[in-house]
Amino acid sequence: MNKKNINEYDWRLQAITTIVEDTISPTGKPIKKGTPVILLHPLKINNRRIEIYTPSPIAMFLNLSNNYYQNSLNLFNFKEFKDPRNYNEEQLFNSLECYMASIIFAYTAVETFSNYSIPNNYEFKKLREDKKCLETYDKEEIEKNIKLDLKIDCILSGIYKVSTFKGTFLWENYLSLKKIRDRIIHLKSKDTKYDLKDPCNHLWNDLINNGELINYTKKAKEIIEYFYSDKKPRWLIKCPF
């Protein structure tokens, strides 16, 4: 379906702009001023090559996080959670599944944003663990081997030319997201074990948080927005939540 207005296109596009003046395409086709131009990726389907509009993975992960969070709230009302004999355990479990997925995708959005932000020719120097010399990491090595804490604190602040927010409430929000996400991804038996000495010391109690499910999607978005102090990408401007 052809769309004439750039605002008609989905907010999750990776890149979209408009032609600033009438021109001719490389194939000789006239293109009018204001025509949308969108980044494409080729696909092979049944030995045919076709193209799709390129989505922003960061936007998609944020959207997944938000959708799962809203679904979790709609499936079960934790604020009125009282007697276990008076609730539907299927709805409870479905809600918890959605909430855990929301947390995982929120963290993934921040991690993806961090990796996408590193320029191709970027190098990062870090003191080796034995403190005898500096080690140099290129983009690929940074993405694979440098922890997200260090990327956010040292690398992204330099790339975007903003001060580090380490030590602020935003850093505390990041740490809380990282902690709960790591507990879910690297789940240990002790995280859900019934402890006679401290019966409420388990993952489910921390997730439900006294009936107030924390909106980690919002925390992830605020972290990303911090680095776009000047010019936000279209997907972030158009983000509906």
Protein backbone atom coordinates (compact mmCIF):
# COMPACT_ATOMS: atom_id res chain seq x y z
CA MET A 1 0.00 0.00 0.00
CA ASN A 2 1.50 3.30 -1.10
CA LYS A 3 1.40 6.12 1.45
CA LYS A 4 1.91 9.74 0.52
CA ASN A 5 2.34 11.20 4.00
CA ILE A 6 5.40 10.29 6.08
CA ASN A 7 3.24 10.31 9.22
CA GLU A 8 1.21 7.40 7.89
CA TYR A 9 4.16 5.04 8.34
CA ASP A 10 4.74 2.96 11.45
CA TRP A 11 6.75 4.61 14.23
CA ARG A 12 9.11 1.62 14.51
CA LEU A 13 10.84 2.23 11.18
CA GLN A 14 14.61 2.31 11.45
CA ALA A 15 15.00 5.21 9.02
CA ILE A 16 12.61 7.31 6.95
CA THR A 17 12.92 10.74 5.34
CA THR A 18 11.46 12.69 2.43
CA ILE A 19 12.84 13.96 -0.86
CA VAL A 20 13.66 17.68 -0.47
CA GLU A 21 13.18 18.52 -4.17
CA ASP A 22 11.97 16.91 -7.39
CA THR A 23 14.54 14.45 -8.69
CA ILE A 24 15.13 11.38 -10.85
CA SER A 25 15.77 7.95 -9.33
CA PRO A 26 18.74 5.80 -10.48
CA THR A 27 16.25 3.81 -12.60
CA GLY A 28 15.09 6.98 -14.36
CA LYS A 29 11.77 7.29 -12.55
CA PRO A 30 10.72 10.85 -11.56
CA ILE A 31 10.37 11.37 -7.81
CA LYS A 32 8.42 14.34 -6.48
CA LYS A 33 9.43 16.54 -3.58
CA GLY A 34 8.07 15.22 -0.28
CA THR A 35 8.04 11.57 -1.39
CA PRO A 36 8.95 9.29 1.55
CA VAL A 37 12.27 7.43 1.32
CA ILE A 38 12.61 4.41 3.58
CA LEU A 39 15.50 2.10 4.46
CA LEU A 40 14.93 -1.39 3.03
CA HIS A 41 16.33 -4.85 3.65
CA PRO A 42 16.27 -7.57 0.93
CA LEU A 43 14.76 -10.99 1.60
CA LYS A 44 14.75 -14.31 -0.24
CA ILE A 45 11.39 -16.08 -0.33
CA ASN A 46 10.86 -19.09 -2.60
CA ASN A 47 13.96 -18.15 -4.61
CA ARG A 48 12.59 -14.66 -5.15
CA ARG A 49 14.19 -11.49 -3.84
CA ILE A 50 11.82 -9.05 -2.22
CA GLU A 51 12.30 -6.15 0.17
CA ILE A 52 10.90 -5.15 3.56
CA TYR A 53 10.93 -1.86 5.38
CA THR A 54 13.69 -2.01 7.97
CA PRO A 55 12.43 -1.90 11.57
CA SER A 56 14.33 -0.47 14.52
CA PRO A 57 15.12 -3.36 16.90
CA ILE A 58 15.31 -0.89 19.79
CA ALA A 59 11.79 0.35 19.08
CA MET A 60 10.51 -3.20 18.67
CA PHE A 61 11.98 -4.37 21.98
CA LEU A 62 10.54 -1.34 23.77
CA ASN A 63 7.17 -1.99 22.17
CA LEU A 64 7.26 -5.65 23.17
CA SER A 65 8.15 -4.64 26.71
CA ASN A 66 5.27 -2.18 26.89
CA ASN A 67 2.76 -4.60 25.35
CA TYR A 68 3.67 -7.35 27.80
CA TYR A 69 3.51 -4.92 30.71
CA GLN A 70 0.04 -3.73 29.75
CA ASN A 71 -1.09 -7.33 29.18
CA SER A 72 0.18 -8.25 32.62
CA LEU A 73 -1.85 -5.47 34.24
CA ASN A 74 -4.97 -6.46 32.29
CA LEU A 75 -4.72 -10.14 33.15
CA PHE A 76 -4.57 -9.86 36.92
CA ASN A 77 -5.20 -7.20 39.56
CA PHE A 78 -2.40 -7.59 42.08
CA LYS A 79 -3.66 -4.66 44.15
CA GLU A 80 -6.70 -6.73 45.16
CA PHE A 81 -4.72 -9.93 45.60
CA LYS A 82 -5.95 -11.38 48.93
CA ASP A 83 -7.11 -14.97 49.32
CA PRO A 84 -5.49 -17.65 47.07
CA ARG A 85 -8.80 -19.53 47.01
CA ASN A 86 -10.51 -16.59 45.33
CA TYR A 87 -8.40 -16.04 42.23
CA ASN A 88 -7.78 -17.76 38.92
CA GLU A 89 -4.27 -19.20 39.00
CA GLU A 90 -4.15 -19.40 35.19
CA GLN A 91 -4.64 -15.64 34.91
CA LEU A 92 -2.08 -15.09 37.66
CA PHE A 93 0.55 -17.21 35.92
CA ASN A 94 -0.20 -15.64 32.54
CA SER A 95 0.21 -12.21 34.10
CA LEU A 96 3.54 -13.13 35.69
CA GLU A 97 4.77 -14.56 32.38
CA CYS A 98 3.92 -11.31 30.61
CA TYR A 99 5.57 -9.24 33.31
CA MET A 100 8.79 -11.25 33.18
CA ALA A 101 8.82 -10.91 29.38
CA SER A 102 8.32 -7.15 29.75
CA ILE A 103 11.37 -6.90 32.02
CA ILE A 104 13.55 -8.98 29.69
CA PHE A 105 12.60 -6.93 26.63
CA ALA A 106 13.12 -3.65 28.51
CA TYR A 107 16.69 -4.62 29.32
CA THR A 108 17.23 -5.91 25.77
CA ALA A 109 16.12 -2.54 24.39
CA VAL A 110 18.79 -0.75 26.45
CA GLU A 111 21.43 -3.30 25.48
CA THR A 112 20.56 -3.07 21.78
CA PHE A 113 20.60 0.73 21.93
CA SER A 114 24.06 0.58 23.48
CA ASN A 115 25.46 -1.69 20.76
CA TYR A 116 23.82 0.28 17.94
CA SER A 117 25.31 3.50 19.29
CA ILE A 118 28.94 2.42 18.83
CA PRO A 119 30.45 3.78 15.58
CA ASN A 120 32.11 1.27 13.26
CA ASN A 121 35.59 2.73 13.71
CA TYR A 122 35.27 3.28 17.46
CA GLU A 123 37.96 1.99 19.83
CA PHE A 124 37.82 1.67 23.60
CA LYS A 125 40.91 1.36 25.78
CA LYS A 126 40.61 -0.43 29.10
CA LEU A 127 43.16 -1.32 31.75
CA ARG A 128 43.80 -5.05 31.72
CA GLU A 129 42.72 -6.96 34.83
CA ASP A 130 46.34 -7.42 35.93
CA LYS A 131 46.76 -3.64 35.51
CA LYS A 132 49.98 -4.06 33.53
CA CYS A 133 48.79 -2.56 30.23
CA LEU A 134 45.87 -1.13 28.29
CA GLU A 135 43.71 -3.34 26.12
CA THR A 136 42.07 -1.94 22.97
CA TYR A 137 38.60 -3.07 21.92
CA ASP A 138 37.02 -2.42 18.53
CA LYS A 139 33.26 -2.21 17.95
CA GLU A 140 32.72 -5.95 17.66
CA GLU A 141 34.81 -6.69 20.73
CA ILE A 142 33.01 -4.00 22.73
CA GLU A 143 29.63 -5.46 21.84
CA LYS A 144 30.74 -8.97 22.87
CA ASN A 145 33.11 -8.43 25.77
CA ILE A 146 32.35 -5.14 27.55
CA LYS A 147 29.65 -5.20 30.20
CA LEU A 148 26.62 -3.00 29.71
CA ASP A 149 27.41 -1.09 32.92
CA LEU A 150 30.69 0.10 31.43
CA LYS A 151 29.16 0.84 28.04
CA ILE A 152 26.55 3.10 29.61
CA ASP A 153 28.89 4.75 32.09
CA CYS A 154 32.01 5.35 29.99
CA ILE A 155 31.43 4.63 26.32
CA LEU A 156 27.99 6.06 25.53
CA SER A 157 28.58 9.23 27.52
CA GLY A 158 31.63 9.91 25.33
CA ILE A 159 29.89 9.04 22.08
CA TYR A 160 26.88 11.25 22.79
CA LYS A 161 28.95 13.91 24.58
CA VAL A 162 26.87 13.91 27.74
CA SER A 163 27.92 13.51 31.34
CA THR A 164 27.61 10.09 32.93
CA PHE A 165 24.48 9.60 35.01
CA LYS A 166 26.19 7.12 37.31
CA GLY A 167 25.23 7.90 40.88
CA THR A 168 21.89 9.44 39.93
CA PHE A 169 18.32 8.10 40.19
CA LEU A 170 18.59 7.08 36.52
CA TRP A 171 21.55 4.85 37.36
CA GLU A 172 19.57 3.32 40.23
CA ASN A 173 16.74 2.63 37.78
CA TYR A 174 19.19 0.90 35.44
CA LEU A 175 20.62 -1.21 38.27
CA SER A 176 17.16 -2.26 39.43
CA LEU A 177 16.25 -3.28 35.86
CA LYS A 178 19.52 -5.18 35.46
CA LYS A 179 19.16 -6.94 38.82
CA ILE A 180 15.63 -8.22 38.26
CA ARG A 181 16.35 -9.15 34.64
CA ASP A 182 19.46 -11.12 35.65
CA ARG A 183 17.48 -12.96 38.31
CA ILE A 184 14.95 -14.03 35.69
CA ILE A 185 17.45 -14.95 32.97
CA HIS A 186 19.90 -16.67 35.33
CA LEU A 187 17.27 -18.10 37.64
CA LYS A 188 18.67 -20.03 40.61
CA SER A 189 16.70 -22.51 42.67
CA LYS A 190 17.18 -20.34 45.74
CA ASP A 191 15.27 -17.51 43.99
CA THR A 192 11.99 -19.44 44.22
CA LYS A 193 12.73 -21.75 47.15
CA TYR A 194 10.50 -21.56 50.23
CA ASP A 195 12.63 -20.27 53.09
CA LEU A 196 11.25 -21.11 56.54
CA LYS A 197 13.32 -18.36 58.15
CA ASP A 198 12.22 -15.71 55.63
CA PRO A 199 9.13 -16.99 53.75
CA CYS A 200 8.73 -13.85 51.59
CA ASN A 201 12.32 -13.88 50.37
CA HIS A 202 11.73 -15.08 46.81
CA LEU A 203 11.44 -13.84 43.22
CA TRP A 204 7.63 -13.85 43.09
CA ASN A 205 7.39 -11.49 46.06
CA ASP A 206 9.93 -9.13 44.48
CA LEU A 207 8.14 -9.16 41.12
CA ILE A 208 4.71 -8.47 42.56
CA ASN A 209 6.23 -5.68 44.69
CA ASN A 210 3.40 -5.27 47.17
CA GLY A 211 0.84 -5.20 44.36
CA GLU A 212 2.58 -2.47 42.33
CA LEU A 213 4.15 -3.90 39.18
CA ILE A 214 7.05 -1.61 38.30
CA ASN A 215 6.98 -0.19 34.77
CA TYR A 216 10.45 -1.17 33.59
CA THR A 217 9.56 -0.17 30.03
CA LYS A 218 9.40 3.43 31.22
CA LYS A 219 12.76 3.10 32.99
CA ALA A 220 14.39 1.67 29.85
CA LYS A 221 12.97 4.43 27.66
CA GLU A 222 14.20 7.14 30.05
CA ILE A 223 17.71 5.69 29.95
CA ILE A 224 17.72 5.77 26.14
CA GLU A 225 16.22 9.27 26.01
CA TYR A 226 18.96 10.61 28.26
CA PHE A 227 21.58 10.14 25.55
CA TYR A 228 19.46 11.85 22.88
CA SER A 229 19.81 15.27 24.50
CA ASP A 230 19.85 17.06 21.12
CA LYS A 231 18.12 15.20 18.33
CA LYS A 232 15.88 12.19 18.89
CA PRO A 233 15.32 9.60 16.15
CA ARG A 234 11.86 9.49 14.61
CA TRP A 235 10.92 6.22 16.31
CA LEU A 236 11.59 7.71 19.74
CA ILE A 237 9.68 10.92 18.96
CA LYS A 238 6.72 8.91 17.64
CA CYS A 239 6.81 6.31 20.42
CA PRO A 240 3.18 6.13 21.63
CA PHE A 241 3.93 5.34 25.29
